C-alpha atoms as a PDB file:
ATOM      1  CA  MET A   1      30.988  23.137  19.876  1.00  0.00           C
ATOM      2  CA  SER A   2      32.131  19.527  19.492  1.00  0.00           C
ATOM      3  CA  MET A   3      31.496  17.642  16.257  1.00  0.00           C
ATOM      4  CA  ASP A   4      29.079  15.224  18.007  1.00  0.00           C
ATOM      5  CA  LYS A   5      26.888  18.043  19.339  1.00  0.00           C
ATOM      6  CA  ARG A   6      26.992  19.849  16.039  1.00  0.00           C
ATOM      7  CA  ALA A   7      26.010  16.673  14.113  1.00  0.00           C
ATOM      8  CA  ALA A   8      23.081  16.091  16.508  1.00  0.00           C
ATOM      9  CA  GLN A   9      21.507  19.312  15.266  1.00  0.00           C
ATOM     10  CA  PHE A  10      21.023  17.734  11.867  1.00  0.00           C
ATOM     11  CA  LEU A  11      19.582  14.379  12.962  1.00  0.00           C
ATOM     12  CA  PRO A  12      16.078  13.648  11.694  1.00  0.00           C
ATOM     13  CA  PHE A  13      13.358  14.797  14.064  1.00  0.00           C
ATOM     14  CA  GLN A  14       9.949  13.181  14.321  1.00  0.00           C
ATOM     15  CA  ALA A  15       7.452  15.515  15.962  1.00  0.00           C
ATOM     16  CA  VAL A  16       4.689  12.915  16.162  1.00  0.00           C
ATOM     17  CA  LYS A  17       5.832   9.455  17.173  1.00  0.00           C
ATOM     18  CA  GLY A  18       4.239   6.665  15.143  1.00  0.00           C
ATOM     19  CA  LEU A  19       3.127   8.957  12.319  1.00  0.00           C
ATOM     20  CA  ASP A  20       5.115   7.061   9.673  1.00  0.00           C
ATOM     21  CA  GLU A  21       3.619   3.729  10.753  1.00  0.00           C
ATOM     22  CA  ALA A  22       0.096   5.164  10.805  1.00  0.00           C
ATOM     23  CA  LEU A  23       0.521   6.575   7.302  1.00  0.00           C
ATOM     24  CA  LEU A  24       1.807   3.232   6.011  1.00  0.00           C
ATOM     25  CA  ALA A  25      -1.189   1.479   7.550  1.00  0.00           C
ATOM     26  CA  LYS A  26      -3.548   3.883   5.761  1.00  0.00           C
ATOM     27  CA  GLU A  27      -1.842   3.149   2.433  1.00  0.00           C
ATOM     28  CA  LYS A  28      -2.892  -0.513   2.493  1.00  0.00           C
ATOM     29  CA  ILE A  29      -5.697  -1.290   0.109  1.00  0.00           C
ATOM     30  CA  LYS A  30      -8.416  -3.399   1.677  1.00  0.00           C
ATOM     31  CA  VAL A  31      -9.809  -6.156  -0.522  1.00  0.00           C
ATOM     32  CA  PRO A  32     -13.015  -8.127  -0.102  1.00  0.00           C
ATOM     33  CA  LYS A  33     -12.825 -11.791   0.855  1.00  0.00           C
ATOM     34  CA  ILE A  34     -13.055 -14.106  -2.151  1.00  0.00           C
ATOM     35  CA  GLU A  35     -15.933 -16.565  -2.092  1.00  0.00           C
ATOM     36  CA  LEU A  36     -14.685 -19.966  -3.261  1.00  0.00           C
ATOM     37  CA  SER A  37     -16.451 -21.607  -6.182  1.00  0.00           C
ATOM     38  CA  ASP A  38     -17.644 -25.187  -5.746  1.00  0.00           C
ATOM     39  CA  GLU A  39     -14.628 -26.499  -7.674  1.00  0.00           C
ATOM     40  CA  MET A  40     -12.164 -24.437  -5.648  1.00  0.00           C
ATOM     41  CA  ALA A  41     -13.794 -25.516  -2.380  1.00  0.00           C
ATOM     42  CA  GLU A  42     -13.638 -29.185  -3.401  1.00  0.00           C
ATOM     43  CA  GLU A  43      -9.952 -28.911  -4.357  1.00  0.00           C
ATOM     44  CA  LEU A  44      -9.140 -27.138  -1.086  1.00  0.00           C
ATOM     45  CA  ASP A  45     -11.029 -29.824   0.849  1.00  0.00           C
ATOM     46  CA  LYS A  46      -8.888 -32.537  -0.775  1.00  0.00           C
ATOM     47  CA  LYS A  47      -5.727 -30.665   0.179  1.00  0.00           C
ATOM     48  CA  MET A  48      -6.955 -30.143   3.749  1.00  0.00           C
ATOM     49  CA  HIS A  49      -7.391 -33.909   4.164  1.00  0.00           C
ATOM     50  CA  ASN A  50      -3.666 -34.379   3.408  1.00  0.00           C
ATOM     51  CA  ILE A  51      -2.426 -31.954   6.061  1.00  0.00           C
ATOM     52  CA  ARG A  52      -0.475 -33.514   8.904  1.00  0.00           C
ATOM     53  CA  LYS A  53       1.561 -32.027  11.721  1.00  0.00           C
ATOM     54  CA  GLY A  54       5.162 -31.636  10.620  1.00  0.00           C
ATOM     55  CA  LEU A  55       4.445 -31.022   6.923  1.00  0.00           C
ATOM     56  CA  ILE A  56       5.942 -27.967   5.283  1.00  0.00           C
ATOM     57  CA  LEU A  57       3.429 -26.021   3.228  1.00  0.00           C
ATOM     58  CA  THR A  58       2.488 -22.608   1.899  1.00  0.00           C
ATOM     59  CA  CYS A  59      -0.903 -21.178   2.780  1.00  0.00           C
ATOM     60  CA  VAL A  60      -2.654 -18.144   1.282  1.00  0.00           C
ATOM     61  CA  TYR A  61      -5.262 -16.757   3.677  1.00  0.00           C
ATOM     62  CA  PHE A  62      -7.465 -13.735   4.314  1.00  0.00           C
ATOM     63  CA  ASN A  63      -6.663 -11.538   7.329  1.00  0.00           C
ATOM     64  CA  LYS A  64      -8.117  -8.110   8.138  1.00  0.00           C
ATOM     65  CA  GLY A  65      -8.868  -6.996   4.607  1.00  0.00           C
ATOM     66  CA  GLU A  66      -5.813  -8.420   2.864  1.00  0.00           C
ATOM     67  CA  TYR A  67      -4.470 -11.729   1.612  1.00  0.00           C
ATOM     68  CA  LEU A  68      -1.283 -12.995   3.205  1.00  0.00           C
ATOM     69  CA  GLN A  69       0.984 -15.921   2.427  1.00  0.00           C
ATOM     70  CA  VAL A  70       2.890 -17.949   4.992  1.00  0.00           C
ATOM     71  CA  THR A  71       5.293 -20.844   4.434  1.00  0.00           C
ATOM     72  CA  GLY A  72       6.438 -23.139   7.194  1.00  0.00           C
ATOM     73  CA  MET A  73       5.925 -26.302   9.182  1.00  0.00           C
ATOM     74  CA  VAL A  74       2.458 -27.265  10.388  1.00  0.00           C
ATOM     75  CA  ALA A  75       2.529 -26.978  14.176  1.00  0.00           C
ATOM     76  CA  ARG A  76      -1.169 -27.705  14.736  1.00  0.00           C
ATOM     77  CA  PHE A  77      -4.080 -28.971  12.685  1.00  0.00           C
ATOM     78  CA  ASP A  78      -7.249 -28.914  14.782  1.00  0.00           C
ATOM     79  CA  GLU A  79     -10.365 -30.095  12.950  1.00  0.00           C
ATOM     80  CA  VAL A  80     -12.604 -29.449  15.982  1.00  0.00           C
ATOM     81  CA  ALA A  81     -11.513 -25.832  16.514  1.00  0.00           C
ATOM     82  CA  ARG A  82     -11.024 -25.468  12.720  1.00  0.00           C
ATOM     83  CA  ILE A  83      -7.539 -23.962  13.135  1.00  0.00           C
ATOM     84  CA  LEU A  84      -4.402 -24.497  11.064  1.00  0.00           C
ATOM     85  CA  GLN A  85      -1.237 -23.281  12.743  1.00  0.00           C
ATOM     86  CA  ILE A  86       1.895 -22.816  10.657  1.00  0.00           C
ATOM     87  CA  VAL A  87       4.818 -22.076  12.960  1.00  0.00           C
ATOM     88  CA  ASN A  88       3.278 -19.271  15.112  1.00  0.00           C
ATOM     89  CA  THR A  89       0.562 -18.167  12.673  1.00  0.00           C
ATOM     90  CA  LYS A  90      -2.953 -19.398  13.486  1.00  0.00           C
ATOM     91  CA  ILE A  91      -5.347 -19.480  10.544  1.00  0.00           C
ATOM     92  CA  LYS A  92      -9.077 -20.210  10.617  1.00  0.00           C
ATOM     93  CA  PHE A  93     -10.177 -22.808   8.068  1.00  0.00           C
ATOM     94  CA  ASP A  94     -12.760 -20.369   6.660  1.00  0.00           C
ATOM     95  CA  ASP A  95     -10.024 -17.827   5.848  1.00  0.00           C
ATOM     96  CA  ILE A  96      -7.865 -20.212   3.770  1.00  0.00           C
ATOM     97  CA  LEU A  97      -7.823 -19.520   0.038  1.00  0.00           C
ATOM     98  CA  ASP A  98      -5.208 -22.042  -1.102  1.00  0.00           C
ATOM     99  CA  ILE A  99      -2.592 -24.482   0.160  1.00  0.00           C
ATOM    100  CA  GLU A 100       0.502 -25.738  -1.626  1.00  0.00           C
ATOM    101  CA  PHE A 101       2.585 -28.587  -0.230  1.00  0.00           C
ATOM    102  CA  GLU A 102       6.366 -28.472  -0.362  1.00  0.00           C
ATOM    103  CA  GLU A 103       7.477 -31.612  -2.179  1.00  0.00           C
ATOM    104  CA  ASN A 104      10.679 -31.722  -0.116  1.00  0.00           C
ATOM    105  CA  SER A 105       8.639 -32.004   3.070  1.00  0.00           C
ATOM    106  CA  PRO A 106       9.578 -35.202   4.944  1.00  0.00           C
ATOM    107  CA  ARG A 107       5.944 -36.300   5.380  1.00  0.00           C
ATOM    108  CA  TYR A 108       4.508 -35.162   2.042  1.00  0.00           C
ATOM    109  CA  MET A 109       2.111 -37.720   0.541  1.00  0.00           C
ATOM    110  CA  PRO A 110       0.400 -36.655  -2.712  1.00  0.00           C
END
């Protein structure tokens, strides 16, 4: 038997495809959405008024039972549809917890 065929006998075998991914998904701990206090909502509102297309910022937002953070350039800021898009990530205004502006951003205006 050649070395290649013999080595193939010892390769890892996965009887159920996708089992590892499914187990990892089950391990995630779901958290409830945080309700913003009046002060937090007012501060977030001030930050939202400074958002412009082309700014680089970091956004913490709620998505499917967990909080995620994305950093990148604002591709879309739609006040009518209430959507903030950072690169390819679309975020509903109601799901935003916090926003931090990158001071090196070319259009940053405090």
